[in-house]
Amino acid sequence: MTPPTHLLVANPQAQSGRNAARIEVALRLLRAAGLPTRLVPTQPGGRTVQVVRDALAEEPYRCVIAMGGDGTFREVAEGLLESPRKDAVTLGMLPAGTANNHGLSFGLRAGEGALARNVHVLAAARETRLDAGALHAMVGAGRTIERATFFDSVGFGIGAAVIAARNVDRDRARHLGRAFALYRDELVYAGALIRTLVSSPSTDVDFVADVVADGFRYEARLTELLIRGTRVYAGGWVVDPTSRHDDGLFEVFPFSTRRDWLSRATFGLSVGLLARAGLVAPAAPPGTRRASRIDVHFRVPEGGVPPPCQLDGEEFPRAERVSIEVLPRALRLIVPDE
């Protein structure tokens, strides 16, 4: 047998086990395209990072492929980034998540209907470079409580609160049995978004942040602080169509109120559709700042807590201080020709 040159990382248990059939289709398409591939299942609790790192140390794979949502992409990419072979191995995508921010940022759709085209992209092996973000979360005078790497975004406030509410709703919906098939994915996210937007203001999503971006400092009351490395957010919102994934800079977006957040999200979704159709020229939204180093201090009142946090679309521990450093052009990413 031909030794595998590609490593596919996917979760056969996803969607109540239905993902296993999609993985088999993906493996057949990859092998038919001349890409001998070995499957490695994802592991819970963040252990996929170690699985990828160990697999790359054991065999001389040329490419590791993340099949799943943005969370799977992050863990696979982090495992590759921590590998001594990160410069010799490319990173590929077979998107299968709900938001699919990573895939959409580079023109890749999710779902079974897109599998054949996405495998063709992997076979063509056109590369770009992808920036990464190294995050240190701290409490008190600077004691680090969490370290993480991200590739899409980190956000504080209302967006993270929506993701937390979505996770609660999704767990509840799983107990509904067959009814869960009707209330999942986009519907769960939409329900959490509406409930969070109409809820009464609270210190959870209304906060004061002291932000330093490459030496430029400002303090403001916000409902969201969003820091991004790629273009698409929340499954279709093009926050800044002029952003680059390989320029060594992340965009910093402060949102002052819920109305500001909602109006800019609505505008961003519209601009994204029009820009992809070639009907409008890309332009950066007002107030955008780009930086290679971002430090944030949340002014937490006595008895209060820092705002909720999301990292690449998943809940992340709250922290009083956060330090982010951009790792420029950290990984070799396979993308479409377009």
C-alpha atoms as a PDB file:
ATOM      1  CA  MET A   1       0.000   0.000   0.000  1.00  0.00           C
ATOM      2  CA  THR A   2       1.085   3.566  -0.712  1.00  0.00           C
ATOM      3  CA  PRO A   3       2.102   5.283   2.521  1.00  0.00           C
ATOM      4  CA  PRO A   4      -0.311   8.101   3.444  1.00  0.00           C
ATOM      5  CA  THR A   5       0.904  11.586   2.601  1.00  0.00           C
ATOM      6  CA  HIS A   6      -2.123  13.380   4.091  1.00  0.00           C
ATOM      7  CA  LEU A   7      -3.559  13.284   7.612  1.00  0.00           C
ATOM      8  CA  LEU A   8      -7.316  13.867   7.956  1.00  0.00           C
ATOM      9  CA  VAL A   9      -8.490  14.977  11.404  1.00  0.00           C
ATOM     10  CA  ALA A  10     -12.261  14.659  11.886  1.00  0.00           C
ATOM     11  CA  ASN A  11     -14.910  13.629  14.402  1.00  0.00           C
ATOM     12  CA  PRO A  12     -16.853  10.496  13.367  1.00  0.00           C
ATOM     13  CA  GLN A  13     -19.198  10.992  16.352  1.00  0.00           C
ATOM     14  CA  ALA A  14     -20.358  14.459  15.299  1.00  0.00           C
ATOM     15  CA  GLN A  15     -24.043  14.993  14.491  1.00  0.00           C
ATOM     16  CA  SER A  16     -25.028  11.830  16.359  1.00  0.00           C
ATOM     17  CA  GLY A  17     -22.628   9.720  14.325  1.00  0.00           C
ATOM     18  CA  ARG A  18     -23.882  10.857  10.910  1.00  0.00           C
ATOM     19  CA  ASN A  19     -20.549  12.521  10.248  1.00  0.00           C
ATOM     20  CA  ALA A  20     -18.887   9.113   9.910  1.00  0.00           C
ATOM     21  CA  ALA A  21     -20.485   8.609   6.481  1.00  0.00           C
ATOM     22  CA  ARG A  22     -19.265  12.030   5.321  1.00  0.00           C
ATOM     23  CA  ILE A  23     -15.762  11.193   6.463  1.00  0.00           C
ATOM     24  CA  GLU A  24     -15.825   7.996   4.402  1.00  0.00           C
ATOM     25  CA  VAL A  25     -16.904   9.992   1.337  1.00  0.00           C
ATOM     26  CA  ALA A  26     -14.081  12.474   1.969  1.00  0.00           C
ATOM     27  CA  LEU A  27     -11.514   9.666   2.276  1.00  0.00           C
ATOM     28  CA  ARG A  28     -12.663   8.106  -1.001  1.00  0.00           C
ATOM     29  CA  LEU A  29     -12.487  11.465  -2.790  1.00  0.00           C
ATOM     30  CA  LEU A  30      -9.034  12.202  -1.389  1.00  0.00           C
ATOM     31  CA  ARG A  31      -7.652   8.828  -2.426  1.00  0.00           C
ATOM     32  CA  ALA A  32      -9.254   9.130  -5.873  1.00  0.00           C
ATOM     33  CA  ALA A  33      -7.501  12.493  -6.251  1.00  0.00           C
ATOM     34  CA  GLY A  34      -4.140  10.822  -5.623  1.00  0.00           C
ATOM     35  CA  LEU A  35      -3.897  11.918  -1.997  1.00  0.00           C
ATOM     36  CA  PRO A  36      -3.397   8.795   0.152  1.00  0.00           C
ATOM     37  CA  THR A  37      -4.875   9.763   3.502  1.00  0.00           C
ATOM     38  CA  ARG A  38      -4.972   8.432   7.055  1.00  0.00           C
ATOM     39  CA  LEU A  39      -7.845   9.319   9.384  1.00  0.00           C
ATOM     40  CA  VAL A  40      -7.227  10.403  12.971  1.00  0.00           C
ATOM     41  CA  PRO A  41     -10.340  11.092  15.084  1.00  0.00           C
ATOM     42  CA  THR A  42     -10.570  14.280  17.111  1.00  0.00           C
ATOM     43  CA  GLN A  43     -10.372  14.027  20.895  1.00  0.00           C
ATOM     44  CA  PRO A  44     -12.425  15.927  23.510  1.00  0.00           C
ATOM     45  CA  GLY A  45     -11.047  18.394  26.003  1.00  0.00           C
ATOM     46  CA  GLY A  46      -8.553  20.002  23.631  1.00  0.00           C
ATOM     47  CA  ARG A  47      -6.516  16.799  23.293  1.00  0.00           C
ATOM     48  CA  THR A  48      -6.691  16.984  19.483  1.00  0.00           C
ATOM     49  CA  VAL A  49      -3.758  19.411  19.603  1.00  0.00           C
ATOM     50  CA  GLN A  50      -1.509  16.728  21.118  1.00  0.00           C
ATOM     51  CA  VAL A  51      -2.864  14.060  18.755  1.00  0.00           C
ATOM     52  CA  VAL A  52      -1.901  16.143  15.711  1.00  0.00           C
ATOM     53  CA  ARG A  53       1.505  17.013  17.147  1.00  0.00           C
ATOM     54  CA  ASP A  54       2.269  13.340  17.877  1.00  0.00           C
ATOM     55  CA  ALA A  55       1.045  12.136  14.474  1.00  0.00           C
ATOM     56  CA  LEU A  56       3.252  14.618  12.643  1.00  0.00           C
ATOM     57  CA  ALA A  57       6.235  13.444  14.696  1.00  0.00           C
ATOM     58  CA  GLU A  58       5.566   9.796  13.823  1.00  0.00           C
ATOM     59  CA  GLU A  59       5.060   9.993  10.046  1.00  0.00           C
ATOM     60  CA  PRO A  60       6.355  12.345   7.290  1.00  0.00           C
ATOM     61  CA  TYR A  61       2.942  13.690   6.243  1.00  0.00           C
ATOM     62  CA  ARG A  62       2.955  16.494   3.684  1.00  0.00           C
ATOM     63  CA  CYS A  63      -0.433  17.911   4.676  1.00  0.00           C
ATOM     64  CA  VAL A  64      -2.798  17.832   7.657  1.00  0.00           C
ATOM     65  CA  ILE A  65      -6.490  18.431   6.888  1.00  0.00           C
ATOM     66  CA  ALA A  66      -9.034  19.791   9.374  1.00  0.00           C
ATOM     67  CA  MET A  67     -12.527  18.456   8.637  1.00  0.00           C
ATOM     68  CA  GLY A  68     -15.104  20.118  10.868  1.00  0.00           C
ATOM     69  CA  GLY A  69     -15.976  23.509  12.268  1.00  0.00           C
ATOM     70  CA  ASP A  70     -13.853  26.464  13.321  1.00  0.00           C
ATOM     71  CA  GLY A  71     -13.038  24.790  16.643  1.00  0.00           C
ATOM     72  CA  THR A  72     -11.607  21.740  14.892  1.00  0.00           C
ATOM     73  CA  PHE A  73      -9.601  23.993  12.580  1.00  0.00           C
ATOM     74  CA  ARG A  74      -8.125  25.832  15.558  1.00  0.00           C
ATOM     75  CA  GLU A  75      -7.018  22.683  17.352  1.00  0.00           C
ATOM     76  CA  VAL A  76      -5.519  21.108  14.222  1.00  0.00           C
ATOM     77  CA  ALA A  77      -3.738  24.349  13.329  1.00  0.00           C
ATOM     78  CA  GLU A  78      -2.386  24.703  16.881  1.00  0.00           C
ATOM     79  CA  GLY A  79      -1.098  21.126  16.802  1.00  0.00           C
ATOM     80  CA  LEU A  80       0.693  21.859  13.529  1.00  0.00           C
ATOM     81  CA  LEU A  81       2.065  25.161  14.823  1.00  0.00           C
ATOM     82  CA  GLU A  82       3.571  23.379  17.843  1.00  0.00           C
ATOM     83  CA  SER A  83       5.159  20.701  15.646  1.00  0.00           C
ATOM     84  CA  PRO A  84       8.851  20.920  14.659  1.00  0.00           C
ATOM     85  CA  ARG A  85       7.648  20.129  11.114  1.00  0.00           C
ATOM     86  CA  LYS A  86       5.315  23.122  10.802  1.00  0.00           C
ATOM     87  CA  ASP A  87       7.339  24.599   7.930  1.00  0.00           C
ATOM     88  CA  ALA A  88       7.329  21.309   5.998  1.00  0.00           C
ATOM     89  CA  VAL A  89       3.610  20.501   6.354  1.00  0.00           C
ATOM     90  CA  THR A  90       0.685  22.353   4.782  1.00  0.00           C
ATOM     91  CA  LEU A  91      -2.716  22.876   6.387  1.00  0.00           C
ATOM     92  CA  GLY A  92      -5.893  22.046   4.462  1.00  0.00           C
ATOM     93  CA  MET A  93      -9.620  22.509   5.139  1.00  0.00           C
ATOM     94  CA  LEU A  94     -12.742  20.452   4.558  1.00  0.00           C
ATOM     95  CA  PRO A  95     -15.224  22.778   6.306  1.00  0.00           C
ATOM     96  CA  ALA A  96     -18.206  21.130   7.966  1.00  0.00           C
ATOM     97  CA  GLY A  97     -19.259  23.549  10.697  1.00  0.00           C
ATOM     98  CA  THR A  98     -22.168  25.929  11.174  1.00  0.00           C
ATOM     99  CA  ALA A  99     -20.398  29.299  11.011  1.00  0.00           C
ATOM    100  CA  ASN A 100     -17.460  28.158   8.833  1.00  0.00           C
ATOM    101  CA  ASN A 101     -15.602  31.454   9.309  1.00  0.00           C
ATOM    102  CA  HIS A 102     -12.248  30.022   8.227  1.00  0.00           C
ATOM    103  CA  GLY A 103     -13.589  28.394   5.094  1.00  0.00           C
ATOM    104  CA  LEU A 104     -15.721  31.343   3.992  1.00  0.00           C
ATOM    105  CA  SER A 105     -12.824  33.749   4.516  1.00  0.00           C
ATOM    106  CA  PHE A 106     -11.009  31.871   1.740  1.00  0.00           C
ATOM    107  CA  GLY A 107     -13.971  30.945  -0.472  1.00  0.00           C
ATOM    108  CA  LEU A 108     -14.669  27.410   0.785  1.00  0.00           C
ATOM    109  CA  ARG A 109     -18.240  26.306   1.486  1.00  0.00           C
ATOM    110  CA  ALA A 110     -19.232  23.648   4.004  1.00  0.00           C
ATOM    111  CA  GLY A 111     -21.377  20.566   3.617  1.00  0.00           C
ATOM    112  CA  GLU A 112     -21.512  17.392   1.557  1.00  0.00           C
ATOM    113  CA  GLY A 113     -22.244  19.255  -1.679  1.00  0.00           C
ATOM    114  CA  ALA A 114     -18.955  21.139  -1.387  1.00  0.00           C
ATOM    115  CA  LEU A 115     -16.757  18.127  -0.619  1.00  0.00           C
ATOM    116  CA  ALA A 116     -15.706  17.342  -4.195  1.00  0.00           C
ATOM    117  CA  ARG A 117     -14.710  20.936  -4.909  1.00  0.00           C
ATOM    118  CA  ASN A 118     -12.853  21.261  -1.595  1.00  0.00           C
ATOM    119  CA  VAL A 119     -10.899  18.058  -2.299  1.00  0.00           C
ATOM    120  CA  HIS A 120     -10.010  19.482  -5.721  1.00  0.00           C
ATOM    121  CA  VAL A 121      -8.603  22.541  -3.920  1.00  0.00           C
ATOM    122  CA  LEU A 122      -6.480  20.279  -1.723  1.00  0.00           C
ATOM    123  CA  ALA A 123      -5.173  18.413  -4.750  1.00  0.00           C
ATOM    124  CA  ALA A 124      -4.246  21.680  -6.510  1.00  0.00           C
ATOM    125  CA  ALA A 125      -2.279  22.630  -3.360  1.00  0.00           C
ATOM    126  CA  ARG A 126      -2.168  26.398  -3.917  1.00  0.00           C
ATOM    127  CA  GLU A 127      -0.692  27.979  -0.796  1.00  0.00           C
ATOM    128  CA  THR A 128      -0.899  31.185   1.165  1.00  0.00           C
ATOM    129  CA  ARG A 129       0.455  32.072   4.574  1.00  0.00           C
ATOM    130  CA  LEU A 130      -1.761  32.424   7.642  1.00  0.00           C
ATOM    131  CA  ASP A 131      -1.092  34.666  10.630  1.00  0.00           C
ATOM    132  CA  ALA A 132      -1.727  33.283  14.120  1.00  0.00           C
ATOM    133  CA  GLY A 133      -2.410  34.966  17.440  1.00  0.00           C
ATOM    134  CA  ALA A 134      -0.713  34.024  20.717  1.00  0.00           C
ATOM    135  CA  LEU A 135      -2.968  34.962  23.646  1.00  0.00           C
ATOM    136  CA  HIS A 136      -2.127  35.195  27.348  1.00  0.00           C
ATOM    137  CA  ALA A 137      -5.077  35.626  29.702  1.00  0.00           C
ATOM    138  CA  MET A 138      -4.247  37.032  33.143  1.00  0.00           C
ATOM    139  CA  VAL A 139      -5.809  37.952  36.470  1.00  0.00           C
ATOM    140  CA  GLY A 140      -4.643  40.331  39.179  1.00  0.00           C
ATOM    141  CA  ALA A 141      -1.232  41.871  38.635  1.00  0.00           C
ATOM    142  CA  GLY A 142      -0.372  39.600  35.729  1.00  0.00           C
ATOM    143  CA  ARG A 143      -0.707  35.953  36.792  1.00  0.00           C
ATOM    144  CA  THR A 144      -1.332  33.944  33.615  1.00  0.00           C
ATOM    145  CA  ILE A 145      -4.354  31.660  33.867  1.00  0.00           C
ATOM    146  CA  GLU A 146      -4.626  30.535  30.226  1.00  0.00           C
ATOM    147  CA  ARG A 147      -2.532  30.503  27.083  1.00  0.00           C
ATOM    148  CA  ALA A 148      -3.959  29.759  23.663  1.00  0.00           C
ATOM    149  CA  THR A 149      -3.367  30.186  19.965  1.00  0.00           C
ATOM    150  CA  PHE A 150      -6.100  31.419  17.643  1.00  0.00           C
ATOM    151  CA  PHE A 151      -6.380  31.938  13.898  1.00  0.00           C
ATOM    152  CA  ASP A 152      -9.740  33.613  13.346  1.00  0.00           C
ATOM    153  CA  SER A 153     -10.823  35.869  16.203  1.00  0.00           C
ATOM    154  CA  VAL A 154     -11.033  36.563  19.889  1.00  0.00           C
ATOM    155  CA  GLY A 155     -13.941  38.595  21.200  1.00  0.00           C
ATOM    156  CA  PHE A 156     -15.242  39.970  24.481  1.00  0.00           C
ATOM    157  CA  GLY A 157     -18.808  40.938  25.313  1.00  0.00           C
ATOM    158  CA  ILE A 158     -21.981  40.383  23.358  1.00  0.00           C
ATOM    159  CA  GLY A 159     -20.624  38.014  20.703  1.00  0.00           C
ATOM    160  CA  ALA A 160     -19.141  35.749  23.358  1.00  0.00           C
ATOM    161  CA  ALA A 161     -22.409  35.916  25.344  1.00  0.00           C
ATOM    162  CA  VAL A 162     -24.293  34.735  22.252  1.00  0.00           C
ATOM    163  CA  ILE A 163     -21.941  31.766  21.872  1.00  0.00           C
ATOM    164  CA  ALA A 164     -22.377  30.858  25.559  1.00  0.00           C
ATOM    165  CA  ALA A 165     -26.178  31.040  25.185  1.00  0.00           C
ATOM    166  CA  ARG A 166     -25.965  28.962  22.004  1.00  0.00           C
ATOM    167  CA  ASN A 167     -24.049  26.251  23.837  1.00  0.00           C
ATOM    168  CA  VAL A 168     -26.664  26.133  26.607  1.00  0.00           C
ATOM    169  CA  ASP A 169     -29.494  25.912  24.045  1.00  0.00           C
ATOM    170  CA  ARG A 170     -27.669  23.248  22.060  1.00  0.00           C
ATOM    171  CA  ASP A 171     -27.169  21.084  25.135  1.00  0.00           C
ATOM    172  CA  ARG A 172     -30.847  21.433  26.038  1.00  0.00           C
ATOM    173  CA  ALA A 173     -31.928  20.646  22.475  1.00  0.00           C
ATOM    174  CA  ARG A 174     -29.954  17.399  22.462  1.00  0.00           C
ATOM    175  CA  HIS A 175     -32.371  16.072  25.088  1.00  0.00           C
ATOM    176  CA  LEU A 176     -35.295  16.659  22.749  1.00  0.00           C
ATOM    177  CA  GLY A 177     -34.472  13.593  20.661  1.00  0.00           C
ATOM    178  CA  ARG A 178     -35.938  13.841  17.171  1.00  0.00           C
ATOM    179  CA  ALA A 179     -36.970  17.433  17.777  1.00  0.00           C
ATOM    180  CA  PHE A 180     -33.268  18.313  17.938  1.00  0.00           C
ATOM    181  CA  ALA A 181     -33.037  17.649  14.188  1.00  0.00           C
ATOM    182  CA  LEU A 182     -35.342  20.633  13.645  1.00  0.00           C
ATOM    183  CA  TYR A 183     -33.699  22.958  16.156  1.00  0.00           C
ATOM    184  CA  ARG A 184     -29.957  22.951  15.599  1.00  0.00           C
ATOM    185  CA  ASP A 185     -27.076  24.753  13.926  1.00  0.00           C
ATOM    186  CA  GLU A 186     -28.255  28.136  12.514  1.00  0.00           C
ATOM    187  CA  LEU A 187     -31.577  28.047  14.377  1.00  0.00           C
ATOM    188  CA  VAL A 188     -29.852  27.540  17.717  1.00  0.00           C
ATOM    189  CA  TYR A 189     -27.445  30.393  16.996  1.00  0.00           C
ATOM    190  CA  ALA A 190     -30.248  32.708  15.832  1.00  0.00           C
ATOM    191  CA  GLY A 191     -32.291  31.998  18.949  1.00  0.00           C
ATOM    192  CA  ALA A 192     -29.321  32.742  21.213  1.00  0.00           C
ATOM    193  CA  LEU A 193     -28.562  35.945  19.297  1.00  0.00           C
ATOM    194  CA  ILE A 194     -32.110  37.286  19.590  1.00  0.00           C
ATOM    195  CA  ARG A 195     -32.349  36.456  23.282  1.00  0.00           C
ATOM    196  CA  THR A 196     -29.009  38.123  24.041  1.00  0.00           C
ATOM    197  CA  LEU A 197     -29.808  41.276  22.059  1.00  0.00           C
ATOM    198  CA  VAL A 198     -33.188  41.838  23.702  1.00  0.00           C
ATOM    199  CA  SER A 199     -32.067  41.033  27.242  1.00  0.00           C
ATOM    200  CA  SER A 200     -31.671  43.929  29.644  1.00  0.00           C
ATOM    201  CA  PRO A 201     -28.213  45.546  29.812  1.00  0.00           C
ATOM    202  CA  SER A 202     -25.850  43.969  32.327  1.00  0.00           C
ATOM    203  CA  THR A 203     -22.225  44.156  33.341  1.00  0.00           C
ATOM    204  CA  ASP A 204     -21.790  40.847  31.488  1.00  0.00           C
ATOM    205  CA  VAL A 205     -21.887  42.484  28.067  1.00  0.00           C
ATOM    206  CA  ASP A 206     -21.431  46.154  28.941  1.00  0.00           C
ATOM    207  CA  PHE A 207     -17.926  46.874  30.179  1.00  0.00           C
ATOM    208  CA  VAL A 208     -15.052  49.338  30.261  1.00  0.00           C
ATOM    209  CA  ALA A 209     -11.812  48.331  28.533  1.00  0.00           C
ATOM    210  CA  ASP A 210      -8.400  49.962  28.439  1.00  0.00           C
ATOM    211  CA  VAL A 211      -6.915  48.948  25.066  1.00  0.00           C
ATOM    212  CA  VAL A 212      -3.333  49.438  23.836  1.00  0.00           C
ATOM    213  CA  ALA A 213      -2.792  48.557  20.152  1.00  0.00           C
ATOM    214  CA  ASP A 214       0.846  48.974  19.043  1.00  0.00           C
ATOM    215  CA  GLY A 215       1.262  51.876  21.463  1.00  0.00           C
ATOM    216  CA  PHE A 216      -2.018  53.627  20.629  1.00  0.00           C
ATOM    217  CA  ARG A 217      -4.109  53.716  23.808  1.00  0.00           C
ATOM    218  CA  TYR A 218      -7.774  54.346  24.414  1.00  0.00           C
ATOM    219  CA  GLU A 219     -10.311  53.569  27.128  1.00  0.00           C
ATOM    220  CA  ALA A 220     -13.999  53.189  26.366  1.00  0.00           C
ATOM    221  CA  ARG A 221     -17.271  51.688  27.519  1.00  0.00           C
ATOM    222  CA  LEU A 222     -18.116  48.902  25.108  1.00  0.00           C
ATOM    223  CA  THR A 223     -20.576  46.125  24.444  1.00  0.00           C
ATOM    224  CA  GLU A 224     -18.056  44.185  22.327  1.00  0.00           C
ATOM    225  CA  LEU A 225     -14.342  44.210  21.628  1.00  0.00           C
ATOM    226  CA  LEU A 226     -13.521  42.079  18.599  1.00  0.00           C
ATOM    227  CA  ILE A 227      -9.982  41.242  17.420  1.00  0.00           C
ATOM    228  CA  ARG A 228      -9.742  39.464  14.064  1.00  0.00           C
ATOM    229  CA  GLY A 229      -7.192  37.899  11.783  1.00  0.00           C
ATOM    230  CA  THR A 230      -9.479  36.852   8.901  1.00  0.00           C
ATOM    231  CA  ARG A 231     -12.452  38.467   7.165  1.00  0.00           C
ATOM    232  CA  VAL A 232     -15.624  36.521   7.937  1.00  0.00           C
ATOM    233  CA  TYR A 233     -17.325  36.502  11.341  1.00  0.00           C
ATOM    234  CA  ALA A 234     -20.525  34.791  12.525  1.00  0.00           C
ATOM    235  CA  GLY A 235     -20.888  32.818   9.308  1.00  0.00           C
ATOM    236  CA  GLY A 236     -21.165  35.726   6.864  1.00  0.00           C
ATOM    237  CA  TRP A 237     -20.368  39.107   8.431  1.00  0.00           C
ATOM    238  CA  VAL A 238     -17.418  40.613   6.542  1.00  0.00           C
ATOM    239  CA  VAL A 239     -16.189  42.882   9.305  1.00  0.00           C
ATOM    240  CA  ASP A 240     -13.430  44.489   7.219  1.00  0.00           C
ATOM    241  CA  PRO A 241     -13.239  43.494   3.540  1.00  0.00           C
ATOM    242  CA  THR A 242      -9.749  45.063   3.281  1.00  0.00           C
ATOM    243  CA  SER A 243      -8.215  42.873   5.993  1.00  0.00           C
ATOM    244  CA  ARG A 244      -5.379  40.501   5.159  1.00  0.00           C
ATOM    245  CA  HIS A 245      -4.689  37.104   6.692  1.00  0.00           C
ATOM    246  CA  ASP A 246      -0.934  37.325   6.057  1.00  0.00           C
ATOM    247  CA  ASP A 247       0.106  40.911   6.876  1.00  0.00           C
ATOM    248  CA  GLY A 248       1.215  40.324  10.474  1.00  0.00           C
ATOM    249  CA  LEU A 249      -1.583  42.565  11.778  1.00  0.00           C
ATOM    250  CA  PHE A 250      -4.945  41.913  13.443  1.00  0.00           C
ATOM    251  CA  GLU A 251      -7.923  44.259  13.184  1.00  0.00           C
ATOM    252  CA  VAL A 252      -9.298  45.712  16.432  1.00  0.00           C
ATOM    253  CA  PHE A 253     -13.018  46.591  16.364  1.00  0.00           C
ATOM    254  CA  PRO A 254     -14.659  48.322  19.370  1.00  0.00           C
ATOM    255  CA  PHE A 255     -18.481  48.359  19.468  1.00  0.00           C
ATOM    256  CA  SER A 256     -19.922  50.933  21.830  1.00  0.00           C
ATOM    257  CA  THR A 257     -23.576  49.806  22.055  1.00  0.00           C
ATOM    258  CA  ARG A 258     -25.809  46.896  21.085  1.00  0.00           C
ATOM    259  CA  ARG A 259     -27.399  49.073  18.409  1.00  0.00           C
ATOM    260  CA  ASP A 260     -23.930  49.804  17.031  1.00  0.00           C
ATOM    261  CA  TRP A 261     -23.120  46.076  17.039  1.00  0.00           C
ATOM    262  CA  LEU A 262     -26.382  45.129  15.323  1.00  0.00           C
ATOM    263  CA  SER A 263     -26.257  47.887  12.693  1.00  0.00           C
ATOM    264  CA  ARG A 264     -22.651  47.125  11.788  1.00  0.00           C
ATOM    265  CA  ALA A 265     -23.391  43.399  11.661  1.00  0.00           C
ATOM    266  CA  THR A 266     -26.328  43.992   9.312  1.00  0.00           C
ATOM    267  CA  PHE A 267     -24.212  46.301   7.148  1.00  0.00           C
ATOM    268  CA  GLY A 268     -21.308  43.836   7.177  1.00  0.00           C
ATOM    269  CA  LEU A 269     -23.505  40.952   6.061  1.00  0.00           C
ATOM    270  CA  SER A 270     -24.825  43.060   3.171  1.00  0.00           C
ATOM    271  CA  VAL A 271     -21.359  44.280   2.172  1.00  0.00           C
ATOM    272  CA  GLY A 272     -20.073  40.730   2.225  1.00  0.00           C
ATOM    273  CA  LEU A 273     -22.722  39.596  -0.229  1.00  0.00           C
ATOM    274  CA  LEU A 274     -22.232  42.613  -2.500  1.00  0.00           C
ATOM    275  CA  ALA A 275     -18.430  42.392  -2.412  1.00  0.00           C
ATOM    276  CA  ARG A 276     -18.480  38.688  -3.326  1.00  0.00           C
ATOM    277  CA  ALA A 277     -20.748  39.595  -6.267  1.00  0.00           C
ATOM    278  CA  GLY A 278     -18.303  42.321  -7.349  1.00  0.00           C
ATOM    279  CA  LEU A 279     -20.892  45.069  -6.910  1.00  0.00           C
ATOM    280  CA  VAL A 280     -19.036  47.176  -4.328  1.00  0.00           C
ATOM    281  CA  ALA A 281     -15.410  48.033  -3.710  1.00  0.00           C
ATOM    282  CA  PRO A 282     -13.971  46.817  -0.379  1.00  0.00           C
ATOM    283  CA  ALA A 283     -13.464  49.506   2.250  1.00  0.00           C
ATOM    284  CA  ALA A 284     -12.399  49.401   5.892  1.00  0.00           C
ATOM    285  CA  PRO A 285     -15.116  50.431   8.383  1.00  0.00           C
ATOM    286  CA  PRO A 286     -14.507  53.653  10.341  1.00  0.00           C
ATOM    287  CA  GLY A 287     -12.652  53.251  13.601  1.00  0.00           C
ATOM    288  CA  THR A 288     -10.712  50.160  12.522  1.00  0.00           C
ATOM    289  CA  ARG A 289      -7.201  49.869  13.937  1.00  0.00           C
ATOM    290  CA  ARG A 290      -4.578  47.295  12.964  1.00  0.00           C
ATOM    291  CA  ALA A 291      -1.847  46.117  15.311  1.00  0.00           C
ATOM    292  CA  SER A 292       0.703  43.368  15.870  1.00  0.00           C
ATOM    293  CA  ARG A 293       0.462  43.632  19.666  1.00  0.00           C
ATOM    294  CA  ILE A 294      -2.765  44.238  21.589  1.00  0.00           C
ATOM    295  CA  ASP A 295      -3.078  44.549  25.372  1.00  0.00           C
ATOM    296  CA  VAL A 296      -6.469  44.814  27.064  1.00  0.00           C
ATOM    297  CA  HIS A 297      -7.282  45.608  30.693  1.00  0.00           C
ATOM    298  CA  PHE A 298     -10.927  45.267  31.720  1.00  0.00           C
ATOM    299  CA  ARG A 299     -11.987  47.710  34.434  1.00  0.00           C
ATOM    300  CA  VAL A 300     -13.910  45.257  36.598  1.00  0.00           C
ATOM    301  CA  PRO A 301     -15.960  46.850  39.403  1.00  0.00           C
ATOM    302  CA  GLU A 302     -15.696  45.462  42.911  1.00  0.00           C
ATOM    303  CA  GLY A 303     -17.717  42.261  43.091  1.00  0.00           C
ATOM    304  CA  GLY A 304     -18.021  42.096  39.302  1.00  0.00           C
ATOM    305  CA  VAL A 305     -16.550  39.778  36.701  1.00  0.00           C
ATOM    306  CA  PRO A 306     -14.769  40.411  33.384  1.00  0.00           C
ATOM    307  CA  PRO A 307     -16.864  40.153  30.211  1.00  0.00           C
ATOM    308  CA  PRO A 308     -17.387  36.754  28.560  1.00  0.00           C
ATOM    309  CA  CYS A 309     -14.813  35.714  25.991  1.00  0.00           C
ATOM    310  CA  GLN A 310     -14.860  33.632  22.812  1.00  0.00           C
ATOM    311  CA  LEU A 311     -11.828  32.309  20.984  1.00  0.00           C
ATOM    312  CA  ASP A 312     -12.304  31.062  17.399  1.00  0.00           C
ATOM    313  CA  GLY A 313     -16.014  30.631  18.045  1.00  0.00           C
ATOM    314  CA  GLU A 314     -15.756  28.710  21.319  1.00  0.00           C
ATOM    315  CA  GLU A 315     -16.140  29.805  24.941  1.00  0.00           C
ATOM    316  CA  PHE A 316     -12.901  30.832  26.626  1.00  0.00           C
ATOM    317  CA  PRO A 317     -12.192  31.662  30.303  1.00  0.00           C
ATOM    318  CA  ARG A 318     -12.832  35.226  31.427  1.00  0.00           C
ATOM    319  CA  ALA A 319      -9.785  37.274  32.354  1.00  0.00           C
ATOM    320  CA  GLU A 320      -9.007  40.728  33.752  1.00  0.00           C
ATOM    321  CA  ARG A 321      -6.092  41.268  31.370  1.00  0.00           C
ATOM    322  CA  VAL A 322      -5.339  39.865  27.931  1.00  0.00           C
ATOM    323  CA  SER A 323      -2.176  40.144  25.886  1.00  0.00           C
ATOM    324  CA  ILE A 324      -2.177  39.192  22.181  1.00  0.00           C
ATOM    325  CA  GLU A 325       0.844  38.944  19.907  1.00  0.00           C
ATOM    326  CA  VAL A 326       0.491  38.267  16.177  1.00  0.00           C
ATOM    327  CA  LEU A 327       2.689  35.477  14.824  1.00  0.00           C
ATOM    328  CA  PRO A 328       3.102  36.611  11.206  1.00  0.00           C
ATOM    329  CA  ARG A 329       2.729  34.087   8.363  1.00  0.00           C
ATOM    330  CA  ALA A 330       2.896  31.242  10.849  1.00  0.00           C
ATOM    331  CA  LEU A 331       1.407  28.419   8.740  1.00  0.00           C
ATOM    332  CA  ARG A 332       1.202  27.283   5.115  1.00  0.00           C
ATOM    333  CA  LEU A 333      -2.514  27.182   4.270  1.00  0.00           C
ATOM    334  CA  ILE A 334      -4.015  25.589   1.132  1.00  0.00           C
ATOM    335  CA  VAL A 335      -6.632  27.855  -0.486  1.00  0.00           C
ATOM    336  CA  PRO A 336      -8.574  28.047  -3.783  1.00  0.00           C
ATOM    337  CA  ASP A 337      -7.128  29.753  -6.852  1.00  0.00           C
ATOM    338  CA  GLU A 338      -9.896  32.378  -6.877  1.00  0.00           C
END
